[in-house]
């Protein structure tokens, strides 16, 4: 496992300047027919019946973790919290390595997420790297330019605005936020 973590982290370092990242996590909603039992729990925030599938992929286009058992109404952060992946990282079995996630996830010492409202140039730089990678990725996709870390998924972006609109704001994670601040200050100074 350590060799694979090292390979993944070196590849991600080359792609996005994030150190020791071994995967990127997000949830995607797979549409389903309305079930006969407990139909309402399968309706996602867009009003569609779905299964919320958590996927983690590595920089080589491989899915390295998948959880496909939660109804569409369940938020990405809960799917993660109830997963074996959460236990792996919280249990210290991947010390020194990180996942990248969107703002639908809480900041943790092992899960780097963007700042919702950057307060200074360092925080803006940290977020800008994420955005720049996404823009470059989309340009390459539109022009059929092969790239490392290519991902064809059509993901649902669970952002903070959606959480606030639903009244599902994440509790502040002081340790995770401090660690994100440390990463931003160390690697993304203006």
N, C-alpha and C. Protein backbone atom coordinates (compact mmCIF):
# COMPACT_ATOMS: atom_id res chain seq x y z
N UNK A 1 0.82 -1.19 0.00
CA UNK A 1 0.00 0.00 0.00
C UNK A 1 0.87 1.25 0.00
N UNK A 2 1.97 1.25 0.73
CA UNK A 2 2.84 2.42 0.79
C UNK A 2 3.43 2.77 -0.57
N UNK A 3 3.81 1.75 -1.37
CA UNK A 3 4.36 2.02 -2.70
C UNK A 3 3.33 2.69 -3.58
N UNK A 4 2.09 2.21 -3.53
CA UNK A 4 1.03 2.82 -4.33
C UNK A 4 0.74 4.24 -3.86
N UNK A 5 0.74 4.46 -2.55
CA UNK A 5 0.54 5.80 -2.02
C UNK A 5 1.64 6.74 -2.55
N UNK A 6 2.89 6.27 -2.53
CA UNK A 6 4.01 7.10 -3.01
C UNK A 6 3.85 7.43 -4.49
N UNK A 7 3.51 6.42 -5.31
CA UNK A 7 3.32 6.66 -6.75
C UNK A 7 2.19 7.67 -6.99
N UNK A 8 1.09 7.47 -6.30
CA UNK A 8 -0.04 8.40 -6.47
C UNK A 8 0.34 9.81 -6.05
N UNK A 9 1.02 9.94 -4.92
CA UNK A 9 1.34 11.28 -4.42
C UNK A 9 2.32 12.00 -5.34
N UNK A 10 3.27 11.29 -5.91
CA UNK A 10 4.20 11.92 -6.85
C UNK A 10 3.48 12.39 -8.11
N UNK A 11 2.56 11.58 -8.59
CA UNK A 11 1.80 11.96 -9.79
C UNK A 11 0.91 13.18 -9.52
N UNK A 12 0.20 13.19 -8.38
CA UNK A 12 -0.63 14.34 -8.04
C UNK A 12 0.22 15.59 -7.81
N UNK A 13 1.40 15.43 -7.23
CA UNK A 13 2.29 16.57 -7.03
C UNK A 13 2.60 17.22 -8.38
N UNK A 14 2.85 16.39 -9.39
CA UNK A 14 3.13 16.90 -10.72
C UNK A 14 1.92 17.55 -11.38
N UNK A 15 0.73 17.08 -11.07
CA UNK A 15 -0.49 17.61 -11.67
C UNK A 15 -0.91 18.93 -11.04
N UNK A 16 -0.94 18.99 -9.71
CA UNK A 16 -1.59 20.12 -9.05
C UNK A 16 -0.81 20.76 -7.92
N UNK A 17 0.44 20.38 -7.72
CA UNK A 17 1.27 20.96 -6.66
C UNK A 17 0.81 20.64 -5.25
N UNK A 18 -0.15 19.75 -5.10
CA UNK A 18 -0.56 19.35 -3.76
C UNK A 18 0.35 18.20 -3.31
N UNK A 19 0.99 18.35 -2.16
CA UNK A 19 1.89 17.30 -1.69
C UNK A 19 1.14 16.14 -1.04
N UNK A 20 1.61 14.93 -1.27
CA UNK A 20 1.14 13.72 -0.59
C UNK A 20 -0.34 13.40 -0.81
N UNK A 21 -0.90 13.87 -1.90
CA UNK A 21 -2.29 13.53 -2.22
C UNK A 21 -2.30 12.18 -2.92
N UNK A 22 -3.18 11.29 -2.45
CA UNK A 22 -3.25 9.95 -3.06
C UNK A 22 -4.55 9.70 -3.80
N UNK A 23 -5.52 10.62 -3.66
CA UNK A 23 -6.78 10.42 -4.35
C UNK A 23 -7.66 11.64 -4.27
N UNK A 24 -8.67 11.65 -5.13
CA UNK A 24 -9.67 12.71 -5.16
C UNK A 24 -11.02 12.06 -4.92
N UNK A 25 -11.81 12.63 -4.02
CA UNK A 25 -13.08 12.04 -3.61
C UNK A 25 -14.25 12.93 -4.02
N UNK A 26 -15.33 12.29 -4.46
CA UNK A 26 -16.57 13.02 -4.69
C UNK A 26 -17.71 12.02 -4.76
N UNK A 27 -18.90 12.55 -4.63
CA UNK A 27 -20.10 11.75 -4.78
C UNK A 27 -20.72 12.03 -6.13
N UNK A 28 -21.32 11.03 -6.71
CA UNK A 28 -22.07 11.20 -7.95
C UNK A 28 -23.39 10.47 -7.80
N UNK A 29 -24.42 11.04 -8.38
CA UNK A 29 -25.75 10.45 -8.27
C UNK A 29 -26.06 9.64 -9.51
N UNK A 30 -26.39 8.38 -9.30
CA UNK A 30 -26.77 7.48 -10.38
C UNK A 30 -28.29 7.37 -10.36
N UNK A 31 -28.93 7.80 -11.44
CA UNK A 31 -30.37 7.79 -11.51
C UNK A 31 -30.94 6.37 -11.47
N UNK A 32 -32.06 6.22 -10.79
CA UNK A 32 -32.74 4.92 -10.68
C UNK A 32 -34.25 5.14 -10.86
N UNK A 33 -34.95 4.04 -11.11
CA UNK A 33 -36.41 4.09 -11.09
C UNK A 33 -36.86 4.25 -9.64
N UNK A 34 -37.98 4.91 -9.45
CA UNK A 34 -38.50 5.09 -8.09
C UNK A 34 -38.79 3.73 -7.47
N UNK A 35 -38.17 3.44 -6.31
CA UNK A 35 -38.45 2.17 -5.66
C UNK A 35 -39.85 2.16 -5.03
N UNK A 36 -40.36 0.99 -4.80
CA UNK A 36 -41.70 0.86 -4.22
C UNK A 36 -41.69 1.11 -2.71
N UNK A 37 -40.58 0.84 -2.06
CA UNK A 37 -40.46 1.06 -0.61
C UNK A 37 -39.51 2.22 -0.34
N UNK A 38 -39.85 3.04 0.62
CA UNK A 38 -39.02 4.17 1.05
C UNK A 38 -38.62 5.06 -0.12
N UNK A 39 -39.52 5.27 -1.02
CA UNK A 39 -39.26 6.05 -2.24
C UNK A 39 -38.67 7.42 -1.94
N UNK A 40 -39.17 8.08 -0.91
CA UNK A 40 -38.78 9.46 -0.62
C UNK A 40 -37.30 9.61 -0.27
N UNK A 41 -36.68 8.61 0.32
CA UNK A 41 -35.26 8.74 0.69
C UNK A 41 -34.34 8.64 -0.51
N UNK A 42 -34.85 8.21 -1.63
CA UNK A 42 -34.04 8.09 -2.84
C UNK A 42 -34.09 9.35 -3.70
N UNK A 43 -34.85 10.36 -3.27
CA UNK A 43 -34.96 11.60 -4.02
C UNK A 43 -33.81 12.52 -3.59
N UNK A 44 -32.95 12.90 -4.56
CA UNK A 44 -31.81 13.75 -4.23
C UNK A 44 -32.21 15.23 -4.24
N UNK A 45 -31.26 16.11 -4.01
CA UNK A 45 -31.54 17.54 -3.88
C UNK A 45 -32.05 18.18 -5.16
N UNK A 46 -31.93 17.47 -6.27
CA UNK A 46 -32.46 17.98 -7.54
C UNK A 46 -33.82 17.37 -7.88
N UNK A 47 -34.37 16.59 -6.94
CA UNK A 47 -35.68 16.01 -7.13
C UNK A 47 -35.70 14.75 -7.99
N UNK A 48 -34.54 14.12 -8.15
CA UNK A 48 -34.41 12.92 -8.98
C UNK A 48 -34.15 11.72 -8.08
N UNK A 49 -34.73 10.58 -8.41
CA UNK A 49 -34.46 9.34 -7.67
C UNK A 49 -33.06 8.86 -8.04
N UNK A 50 -32.25 8.59 -7.02
CA UNK A 50 -30.87 8.20 -7.30
C UNK A 50 -30.26 7.42 -6.13
N UNK A 51 -29.09 6.86 -6.43
CA UNK A 51 -28.18 6.30 -5.44
C UNK A 51 -27.00 7.26 -5.39
N UNK A 52 -26.57 7.67 -4.20
CA UNK A 52 -25.40 8.53 -4.06
C UNK A 52 -24.18 7.61 -3.96
N UNK A 53 -23.32 7.67 -4.96
CA UNK A 53 -22.15 6.80 -5.03
C UNK A 53 -20.90 7.62 -4.74
N UNK A 54 -20.14 7.19 -3.72
CA UNK A 54 -18.87 7.84 -3.39
C UNK A 54 -17.77 7.16 -4.19
N UNK A 55 -16.97 7.98 -4.87
CA UNK A 55 -15.88 7.45 -5.68
C UNK A 55 -14.59 8.18 -5.32
N UNK A 56 -13.51 7.42 -5.18
CA UNK A 56 -12.18 8.00 -5.03
C UNK A 56 -11.37 7.47 -6.20
N UNK A 57 -10.74 8.39 -6.92
CA UNK A 57 -9.90 7.95 -8.03
C UNK A 57 -8.49 8.46 -7.84
N UNK A 58 -7.56 7.73 -8.45
CA UNK A 58 -6.15 8.09 -8.35
C UNK A 58 -5.74 8.88 -9.60
N UNK A 59 -4.49 9.34 -9.66
CA UNK A 59 -4.08 10.17 -10.80
C UNK A 59 -3.93 9.37 -12.10
N UNK A 60 -4.10 8.07 -12.04
CA UNK A 60 -3.94 7.21 -13.22
C UNK A 60 -5.29 6.74 -13.76
N UNK A 61 -6.37 7.44 -13.40
CA UNK A 61 -7.72 7.16 -13.89
C UNK A 61 -8.35 5.93 -13.26
N UNK A 62 -7.78 5.41 -12.22
CA UNK A 62 -8.32 4.20 -11.59
C UNK A 62 -9.17 4.56 -10.38
N UNK A 63 -10.29 3.87 -10.27
CA UNK A 63 -11.11 4.01 -9.07
C UNK A 63 -10.46 3.17 -7.99
N UNK A 64 -10.13 3.80 -6.87
CA UNK A 64 -9.45 3.07 -5.79
C UNK A 64 -10.36 2.82 -4.60
N UNK A 65 -11.55 3.42 -4.62
CA UNK A 65 -12.54 3.16 -3.58
C UNK A 65 -13.90 3.56 -4.11
N UNK A 66 -14.91 2.75 -3.82
CA UNK A 66 -16.27 3.07 -4.23
C UNK A 66 -17.24 2.57 -3.17
N UNK A 67 -18.22 3.39 -2.86
CA UNK A 67 -19.29 3.02 -1.95
C UNK A 67 -20.60 3.33 -2.68
N UNK A 68 -21.40 2.31 -2.95
CA UNK A 68 -22.61 2.48 -3.76
C UNK A 68 -23.82 1.88 -3.06
N UNK A 69 -24.12 2.37 -1.88
CA UNK A 69 -25.25 1.78 -1.15
C UNK A 69 -26.16 2.81 -0.48
N UNK A 70 -25.94 4.09 -0.72
CA UNK A 70 -26.71 5.11 -0.03
C UNK A 70 -27.75 5.73 -0.95
N UNK A 71 -28.96 5.96 -0.43
CA UNK A 71 -29.99 6.62 -1.23
C UNK A 71 -29.61 8.06 -1.56
N UNK A 72 -30.24 8.60 -2.60
CA UNK A 72 -29.90 9.92 -3.11
C UNK A 72 -30.05 11.07 -2.14
N UNK A 73 -30.87 10.93 -1.11
CA UNK A 73 -31.06 12.03 -0.16
C UNK A 73 -29.90 12.16 0.83
N UNK A 74 -29.02 11.19 0.87
CA UNK A 74 -27.91 11.21 1.83
C UNK A 74 -26.77 12.08 1.28
N UNK A 75 -26.27 12.98 2.12
CA UNK A 75 -25.22 13.91 1.73
C UNK A 75 -23.87 13.20 1.62
N UNK A 76 -23.02 13.71 0.73
CA UNK A 76 -21.69 13.13 0.51
C UNK A 76 -20.90 12.99 1.81
N UNK A 77 -20.98 13.98 2.68
CA UNK A 77 -20.19 13.93 3.92
C UNK A 77 -20.62 12.76 4.81
N UNK A 78 -21.90 12.43 4.80
CA UNK A 78 -22.36 11.28 5.60
C UNK A 78 -21.90 9.97 4.97
N UNK A 79 -21.97 9.88 3.65
CA UNK A 79 -21.50 8.67 2.97
C UNK A 79 -20.05 8.42 3.37
N UNK A 80 -19.24 9.48 3.34
CA UNK A 80 -17.83 9.34 3.73
C UNK A 80 -17.71 8.93 5.19
N UNK A 81 -18.42 9.62 6.08
CA UNK A 81 -18.33 9.36 7.52
C UNK A 81 -18.66 7.92 7.88
N UNK A 82 -19.55 7.29 7.11
CA UNK A 82 -19.98 5.92 7.37
C UNK A 82 -19.17 4.88 6.60
N UNK A 83 -18.13 5.30 5.91
CA UNK A 83 -17.38 4.39 5.04
C UNK A 83 -16.13 3.82 5.71
N UNK A 84 -15.64 2.75 5.15
CA UNK A 84 -14.38 2.16 5.60
C UNK A 84 -13.21 3.09 5.34
N UNK A 85 -13.31 3.91 4.30
CA UNK A 85 -12.26 4.87 3.98
C UNK A 85 -12.08 5.87 5.14
N UNK A 86 -13.18 6.32 5.70
CA UNK A 86 -13.14 7.22 6.84
C UNK A 86 -12.39 6.56 8.00
N UNK A 87 -12.74 5.31 8.27
CA UNK A 87 -12.07 4.57 9.35
C UNK A 87 -10.58 4.42 9.07
N UNK A 88 -10.22 4.16 7.81
CA UNK A 88 -8.82 4.01 7.43
C UNK A 88 -8.03 5.27 7.76
N UNK A 89 -8.55 6.42 7.32
CA UNK A 89 -7.83 7.67 7.54
C UNK A 89 -7.91 8.12 8.99
N UNK A 90 -9.08 8.06 9.60
CA UNK A 90 -9.22 8.48 11.00
C UNK A 90 -8.40 7.58 11.92
N UNK A 91 -8.24 6.32 11.54
CA UNK A 91 -7.47 5.38 12.34
C UNK A 91 -5.96 5.52 12.18
N UNK A 92 -5.53 6.47 11.35
CA UNK A 92 -4.11 6.72 11.18
C UNK A 92 -3.39 5.74 10.28
N UNK A 93 -4.13 4.99 9.45
CA UNK A 93 -3.50 3.99 8.59
C UNK A 93 -2.97 4.57 7.29
N UNK A 94 -3.18 5.87 7.08
CA UNK A 94 -2.66 6.53 5.88
C UNK A 94 -1.99 7.84 6.29
N UNK A 95 -1.31 7.82 7.44
CA UNK A 95 -0.68 9.03 7.97
C UNK A 95 0.25 9.68 6.96
N UNK A 96 0.10 10.99 6.83
CA UNK A 96 0.95 11.75 5.93
C UNK A 96 0.42 11.84 4.52
N UNK A 97 -0.67 11.15 4.22
CA UNK A 97 -1.27 11.20 2.89
C UNK A 97 -2.66 11.82 2.98
N UNK A 98 -3.10 12.40 1.87
CA UNK A 98 -4.34 13.17 1.87
C UNK A 98 -5.22 12.82 0.69
N UNK A 99 -6.50 13.17 0.85
CA UNK A 99 -7.45 13.16 -0.24
C UNK A 99 -7.82 14.61 -0.53
N UNK A 100 -8.19 14.90 -1.77
CA UNK A 100 -8.75 16.20 -2.12
C UNK A 100 -10.25 16.02 -2.28
N UNK A 101 -11.01 16.94 -1.74
CA UNK A 101 -12.46 16.89 -1.86
C UNK A 101 -13.04 18.27 -2.11
N UNK A 102 -14.29 18.32 -2.52
CA UNK A 102 -14.94 19.61 -2.72
C UNK A 102 -15.50 20.13 -1.41
N UNK A 103 -16.17 21.27 -1.48
CA UNK A 103 -16.65 21.91 -0.26
C UNK A 103 -17.84 21.21 0.37
N UNK A 104 -18.30 20.13 -0.23
CA UNK A 104 -19.35 19.32 0.37
C UNK A 104 -18.81 18.45 1.51
N UNK A 105 -17.51 18.44 1.68
CA UNK A 105 -16.87 17.65 2.73
C UNK A 105 -16.26 18.56 3.78
N UNK A 106 -16.16 18.08 5.01
CA UNK A 106 -15.50 18.89 6.05
C UNK A 106 -13.98 18.82 5.87
N UNK A 107 -13.30 19.90 6.19
CA UNK A 107 -11.84 19.90 6.19
C UNK A 107 -11.37 18.99 7.33
N UNK A 108 -10.42 18.13 7.01
CA UNK A 108 -9.83 17.24 8.01
C UNK A 108 -8.32 17.24 7.80
N UNK A 109 -7.59 16.69 8.73
CA UNK A 109 -6.13 16.61 8.56
C UNK A 109 -5.76 15.75 7.37
N UNK A 110 -6.65 14.91 6.92
CA UNK A 110 -6.38 14.03 5.78
C UNK A 110 -7.27 14.30 4.58
N UNK A 111 -8.13 15.33 4.66
CA UNK A 111 -9.04 15.67 3.57
C UNK A 111 -8.96 17.17 3.31
N UNK A 112 -8.31 17.55 2.22
CA UNK A 112 -8.11 18.95 1.89
C UNK A 112 -9.27 19.43 1.04
N UNK A 113 -9.92 20.50 1.49
CA UNK A 113 -11.08 21.06 0.80
C UNK A 113 -10.83 22.55 0.56
N UNK A 114 -11.54 23.14 -0.40
CA UNK A 114 -11.33 24.57 -0.67
C UNK A 114 -11.90 25.46 0.43
N UNK A 115 -11.36 26.67 0.50
CA UNK A 115 -11.93 27.69 1.38
C UNK A 115 -13.24 28.16 0.76
N UNK A 116 -14.28 28.30 1.57
CA UNK A 116 -15.56 28.78 1.06
C UNK A 116 -15.53 30.28 0.79
N UNK A 117 -14.81 31.02 1.63
CA UNK A 117 -14.68 32.47 1.48
C UNK A 117 -13.24 32.85 1.81
N UNK A 118 -12.34 32.75 0.83
CA UNK A 118 -10.92 33.06 1.10
C UNK A 118 -10.76 34.47 1.67
N UNK A 119 -9.90 34.59 2.70
CA UNK A 119 -9.72 35.85 3.40
C UNK A 119 -8.43 36.59 3.06
N UNK A 120 -7.52 35.91 2.34
CA UNK A 120 -6.25 36.55 2.02
C UNK A 120 -5.66 35.91 0.76
N UNK A 121 -4.53 36.44 0.33
CA UNK A 121 -3.90 35.99 -0.91
C UNK A 121 -3.47 34.52 -0.84
N UNK A 122 -3.03 34.08 0.32
CA UNK A 122 -2.62 32.68 0.46
C UNK A 122 -3.80 31.74 0.25
N UNK A 123 -4.91 32.04 0.90
CA UNK A 123 -6.10 31.21 0.75
C UNK A 123 -6.63 31.28 -0.69
N UNK A 124 -6.57 32.46 -1.30
CA UNK A 124 -7.00 32.59 -2.69
C UNK A 124 -6.09 31.77 -3.61
N UNK A 125 -4.80 31.78 -3.33
CA UNK A 125 -3.86 30.99 -4.13
C UNK A 125 -4.13 29.49 -4.02
N UNK A 126 -4.41 29.07 -2.81
CA UNK A 126 -4.76 27.66 -2.57
C UNK A 126 -5.97 27.27 -3.41
N UNK A 127 -7.03 28.07 -3.36
CA UNK A 127 -8.23 27.79 -4.15
C UNK A 127 -7.97 27.93 -5.64
N UNK A 128 -7.13 28.91 -6.03
CA UNK A 128 -6.87 29.17 -7.44
C UNK A 128 -6.21 27.96 -8.12
N UNK A 129 -5.36 27.26 -7.39
CA UNK A 129 -4.73 26.07 -7.96
C UNK A 129 -5.79 25.04 -8.31
N UNK A 130 -6.76 24.86 -7.43
CA UNK A 130 -7.84 23.92 -7.69
C UNK A 130 -8.62 24.35 -8.93
N UNK A 131 -8.99 25.62 -9.00
CA UNK A 131 -9.77 26.13 -10.13
C UNK A 131 -8.97 26.04 -11.42
N UNK A 132 -7.70 26.42 -11.38
CA UNK A 132 -6.87 26.38 -12.59
C UNK A 132 -6.77 24.96 -13.14
N UNK A 133 -6.61 24.00 -12.26
CA UNK A 133 -6.55 22.61 -12.70
C UNK A 133 -7.85 22.19 -13.38
N UNK A 134 -8.97 22.63 -12.83
CA UNK A 134 -10.27 22.30 -13.43
C UNK A 134 -10.43 22.94 -14.80
N UNK A 135 -10.05 24.22 -14.93
CA UNK A 135 -10.17 24.92 -16.21
C UNK A 135 -9.27 24.25 -17.26
N UNK A 136 -8.02 23.99 -16.90
CA UNK A 136 -7.12 23.32 -17.84
C UNK A 136 -7.65 21.95 -18.24
N UNK A 137 -8.19 21.24 -17.27
CA UNK A 137 -8.77 19.93 -17.56
C UNK A 137 -9.89 20.06 -18.59
N UNK A 138 -10.78 21.04 -18.40
CA UNK A 138 -11.90 21.21 -19.33
C UNK A 138 -11.43 21.62 -20.73
N UNK A 139 -10.43 22.48 -20.80
CA UNK A 139 -9.88 22.87 -22.11
C UNK A 139 -9.32 21.64 -22.83
N UNK A 140 -8.58 20.84 -22.10
CA UNK A 140 -8.02 19.62 -22.70
C UNK A 140 -9.11 18.68 -23.16
N UNK A 141 -10.16 18.54 -22.37
CA UNK A 141 -11.27 17.67 -22.74
C UNK A 141 -11.95 18.17 -24.01
N UNK A 142 -12.21 19.49 -24.08
CA UNK A 142 -12.88 20.08 -25.25
C UNK A 142 -12.07 19.90 -26.52
N UNK A 143 -10.76 19.94 -26.41
CA UNK A 143 -9.89 19.86 -27.59
C UNK A 143 -9.29 18.47 -27.78
N UNK A 144 -9.78 17.50 -27.01
CA UNK A 144 -9.32 16.11 -27.10
C UNK A 144 -7.81 15.98 -26.90
N UNK A 145 -7.27 16.77 -25.99
CA UNK A 145 -5.85 16.71 -25.67
C UNK A 145 -5.69 15.71 -24.53
N UNK A 146 -4.90 14.63 -24.73
CA UNK A 146 -4.73 13.66 -23.64
C UNK A 146 -3.99 14.29 -22.46
N UNK A 147 -4.47 14.01 -21.26
CA UNK A 147 -3.86 14.54 -20.05
C UNK A 147 -3.78 13.46 -18.99
N UNK A 148 -2.83 13.60 -18.08
CA UNK A 148 -2.76 12.71 -16.92
C UNK A 148 -3.85 13.12 -15.95
N UNK A 149 -4.44 12.15 -15.26
CA UNK A 149 -5.48 12.45 -14.29
C UNK A 149 -6.82 12.71 -14.95
N UNK A 150 -6.97 12.33 -16.25
CA UNK A 150 -8.22 12.54 -16.97
C UNK A 150 -9.35 11.81 -16.29
N UNK A 151 -10.49 12.49 -16.14
CA UNK A 151 -11.66 11.91 -15.47
C UNK A 151 -12.91 12.27 -16.24
N UNK A 152 -13.62 11.28 -16.78
CA UNK A 152 -14.81 11.52 -17.59
C UNK A 152 -16.09 11.51 -16.77
N UNK A 153 -16.02 11.51 -15.45
CA UNK A 153 -17.24 11.41 -14.67
C UNK A 153 -18.07 12.68 -14.77
N UNK A 154 -19.38 12.53 -14.62
CA UNK A 154 -20.30 13.65 -14.58
C UNK A 154 -20.76 13.78 -13.14
N UNK A 155 -19.95 14.50 -12.35
CA UNK A 155 -20.23 14.49 -10.92
C UNK A 155 -21.21 15.57 -10.52
N UNK A 156 -21.86 15.32 -9.41
CA UNK A 156 -22.74 16.29 -8.80
C UNK A 156 -21.90 17.07 -7.80
N UNK A 157 -21.84 18.37 -7.92
CA UNK A 157 -21.03 19.18 -7.02
C UNK A 157 -21.86 19.56 -5.82
N UNK A 158 -21.57 18.96 -4.69
CA UNK A 158 -22.27 19.29 -3.45
C UNK A 158 -21.53 20.45 -2.80
N UNK A 159 -21.89 21.66 -3.12
CA UNK A 159 -21.16 22.79 -2.56
C UNK A 159 -21.86 23.36 -1.35
N UNK A 160 -21.20 24.31 -0.73
CA UNK A 160 -21.70 24.85 0.53
C UNK A 160 -23.01 25.60 0.35
N UNK A 161 -23.20 26.26 -0.79
CA UNK A 161 -24.46 26.96 -1.01
C UNK A 161 -25.63 26.00 -0.97
N UNK A 162 -25.46 24.81 -1.58
CA UNK A 162 -26.52 23.82 -1.55
C UNK A 162 -26.77 23.35 -0.12
N UNK A 163 -25.71 23.17 0.64
CA UNK A 163 -25.87 22.73 2.03
C UNK A 163 -26.63 23.78 2.83
N UNK A 164 -26.25 25.05 2.64
CA UNK A 164 -26.91 26.10 3.40
C UNK A 164 -28.38 26.22 3.00
N UNK A 165 -28.65 26.06 1.70
CA UNK A 165 -30.03 26.13 1.24
C UNK A 165 -30.87 25.02 1.84
N UNK A 166 -30.24 23.89 2.11
CA UNK A 166 -30.95 22.76 2.70
C UNK A 166 -30.88 22.78 4.22
N UNK A 167 -30.15 23.74 4.79
CA UNK A 167 -30.00 23.79 6.23
C UNK A 167 -29.09 22.70 6.76
N UNK A 168 -28.13 22.24 5.93
CA UNK A 168 -27.26 21.14 6.32
C UNK A 168 -25.83 21.64 6.38
N UNK A 169 -25.58 22.71 7.07
CA UNK A 169 -24.25 23.26 7.16
C UNK A 169 -23.36 22.33 7.98
N UNK A 170 -22.13 22.13 7.49
CA UNK A 170 -21.18 21.28 8.19
C UNK A 170 -20.70 21.98 9.46
N UNK A 171 -20.56 21.25 10.55
CA UNK A 171 -19.99 21.87 11.75
C UNK A 171 -18.53 22.21 11.49
N UNK A 172 -18.04 23.27 12.08
CA UNK A 172 -16.64 23.62 11.85
C UNK A 172 -15.72 22.53 12.39
N UNK A 173 -14.70 22.25 11.65
CA UNK A 173 -13.71 21.27 12.06
C UNK A 173 -12.42 22.04 12.29
N UNK A 174 -12.17 22.41 13.51
CA UNK A 174 -11.06 23.29 13.84
C UNK A 174 -9.72 22.68 13.42
N UNK A 175 -9.47 21.43 13.75
CA UNK A 175 -8.20 20.80 13.40
C UNK A 175 -8.04 20.71 11.89
N UNK A 176 -9.09 20.32 11.18
CA UNK A 176 -9.03 20.23 9.73
C UNK A 176 -8.80 21.58 9.09
N UNK A 177 -9.48 22.61 9.60
CA UNK A 177 -9.30 23.96 9.06
C UNK A 177 -7.89 24.47 9.32
N UNK A 178 -7.36 24.20 10.49
CA UNK A 178 -5.98 24.63 10.80
C UNK A 178 -4.99 23.94 9.87
N UNK A 179 -5.22 22.65 9.62
CA UNK A 179 -4.31 21.93 8.75
C UNK A 179 -4.39 22.47 7.32
N UNK A 180 -5.61 22.75 6.84
CA UNK A 180 -5.76 23.35 5.51
C UNK A 180 -5.01 24.68 5.47
N UNK A 181 -5.11 25.48 6.53
CA UNK A 181 -4.38 26.75 6.60
C UNK A 181 -2.88 26.50 6.48
N UNK A 182 -2.39 25.48 7.17
CA UNK A 182 -0.97 25.14 7.12
C UNK A 182 -0.54 24.78 5.69
N UNK A 183 -1.31 23.94 5.03
CA UNK A 183 -1.00 23.53 3.65
C UNK A 183 -1.00 24.74 2.73
N UNK A 184 -2.02 25.58 2.85
CA UNK A 184 -2.13 26.77 2.02
C UNK A 184 -0.93 27.69 2.24
N UNK A 185 -0.58 27.92 3.50
CA UNK A 185 0.53 28.82 3.81
C UNK A 185 1.87 28.26 3.37
N UNK A 186 2.03 26.95 3.43
CA UNK A 186 3.30 26.33 3.07
C UNK A 186 3.50 26.25 1.56
N UNK A 187 2.45 25.94 0.82
CA UNK A 187 2.61 25.66 -0.61
C UNK A 187 2.01 26.70 -1.54
N UNK A 188 1.22 27.63 -1.03
CA UNK A 188 0.52 28.54 -1.93
C UNK A 188 0.65 29.99 -1.53
N UNK A 189 1.82 30.39 -1.06
CA UNK A 189 2.04 31.80 -0.72
C UNK A 189 2.12 32.60 -2.01
N UNK A 190 1.61 33.83 -1.96
CA UNK A 190 1.66 34.69 -3.17
C UNK A 190 3.08 35.12 -3.50
